[in-house]
Amino acid sequence: MLPVVASAMLTPLIVATALFMENMDATVISTSLPVIAQDLHVDPISLKLALTSYLVSLAVFIPVSGWMADRFGARRIFRWAIAIFMAGSLFCAFSKSLEGFVLARFLQGMGGAMMVPVGRLVILRTTRKEELVKALSYLTIPALLGPVFGPPLGGFISTYFHWRWIFLINLPIGVLGIALAGRFIADLKSDNVPPLDIPGFLFTGIGLSALMLGLASEGKHMLSADLSIAASVLGIILLLAYLWHYRRVAHPLLDLSLLRLKTFHASVIGGFFFRVGTGATPFLLPLMLQLGLGYSPFESGLLTCSTAIGAIFMKTIVARVLERFGFRRVLIVNSVLAGVSMAVYALFQPGTPHLLMLLVFLAGGCLRSLQFTSLNAIAFADVDQARMSHATSLSSVAQQLAAGFGVTVAAMSLQTTTWLQGRAQPQLSDYAWGFVVMGALAAGSVLHFLPLDRTSGAALASTRKA
């Protein structure tokens, strides 16, 4: 009975623990950005590099995680992924400079990119079909709870202890995960592994990293203006080179031909612009609450965790909403409402009641959760089973890049507004304009959902009803 129990219960729990660690880490750091900036003696806006470097690392290494698991064994890669994530956490905790912190976050992203995809692959291949839904449900729990507990935990640690403990708490969890994975996770391999698209990996990996580094640094943080421009140009050239390359290989790293599918195009491209707009929230909101409104990190975390609570509530009714109104109508109307809910943050003032702010955050969490779930579902409505793996990789890469671009664009907007006002440091009104700009960008994604048919995603709705 133990092997059956281990497959049905322990494996999902081990993977869920890794996912919880990753989600907790991502939300904890956002609340602590102003404190980290003060301790490292840098401009808080410069810490956008720490957020974008992690997200770009995810985008770079997610596409090769499945190949590595098939080639070298899922258990080995999963354990190494946790170890790399732990090493990145340790380096983050002892970073003394912005450059060191950014590199440590990139290393964390390498581990995070392999942990969860490989763990999910193990579950799909080892769990009996009648227990698959139950097993996968374990993965949704940390994804939902991490953003609830992360902000207040990060704020509590930063307010009453030291921000470096945020990363050290990952170490005992990681050690436990490695030990349990060695005992209970199957070391799955594949006999027929296609060759890795190494040129494609280099084109996309170096290209995305260089482009994001150039845009995020803007000649003000870490790099000079000339180096920032050079990095951006190099990134664009390498990404264009991948467009030329992928048509000429049998097994491209990212299959861009999937974008010809109307539903997949709407999910990836429309979703990209929506996520760029909403991706500003983990960066701008803690800065506005703490530096603009004067809240402590703990107060800030307690307020912003209501966004995740709203997201959890929406998960319970999203299927009925989609069945009632259809994907096209939901994506069109909700993208505008979600953008407006972000712009409302611009109205917050020092005297704004906490209850009103909580209600706004709660509503925003509901709207964004509805949009994300709809986008994730409709992406695969017309993808055949043979290309499902490629579709998953391309969709995941686009999501991580969008979040990274969201932080970068938000920082650009904030810096531009501050400069136009002739100020050296941003004030509350500058953060407010940042949310107006990002909210408008999120709402503008509606243009990519208008071409959808009224019946787009209908097969998914009928599947749910069945």
Foldseek 3Di string as FASTA:
>chain_A
DVLQCLLLPVLLLLLLLLLLLVLLLLLLVLLCLVLVCVQLVHDSLLCLLQQLLLLLLLLLQLLCLVLCCQAPFLLVLQLVLLVQLLQLLLQCLPDNHSVSNSVSSNSNSPSVNNNNVSSLVQSVVRHDPVSSVVSVVSNVVSVLVSLLPRQLVSLVCVQPNNNSVSSVVSVVSSVVSSVSSVPRGGGHHHPDRDDDPVLLSCLQSQLSVLLLQLLQCCCPHPHHNVSSVVSNVSSVVSVVVSVVVQVPDPDHSADPVLCVDLLLVLLLVLVLLLLLLVLQCSNLQSCCVCVALNDGSNVSSNQLSLLSVLLVVLVVCLLVVCLVQNLLVLLQVLLLVLLVLLLVVLVDDNPDDSVVSSVSSSVNSNSVSSNNVSSVQLSCLPPDPVCPSSSVSSRSSSNSNSSSSSSSVLSVQLVVVCVVVVHPDGYNNSSSVSSNVSSVSSNVSSVSSVPDDRCRPVVVSVVVVD
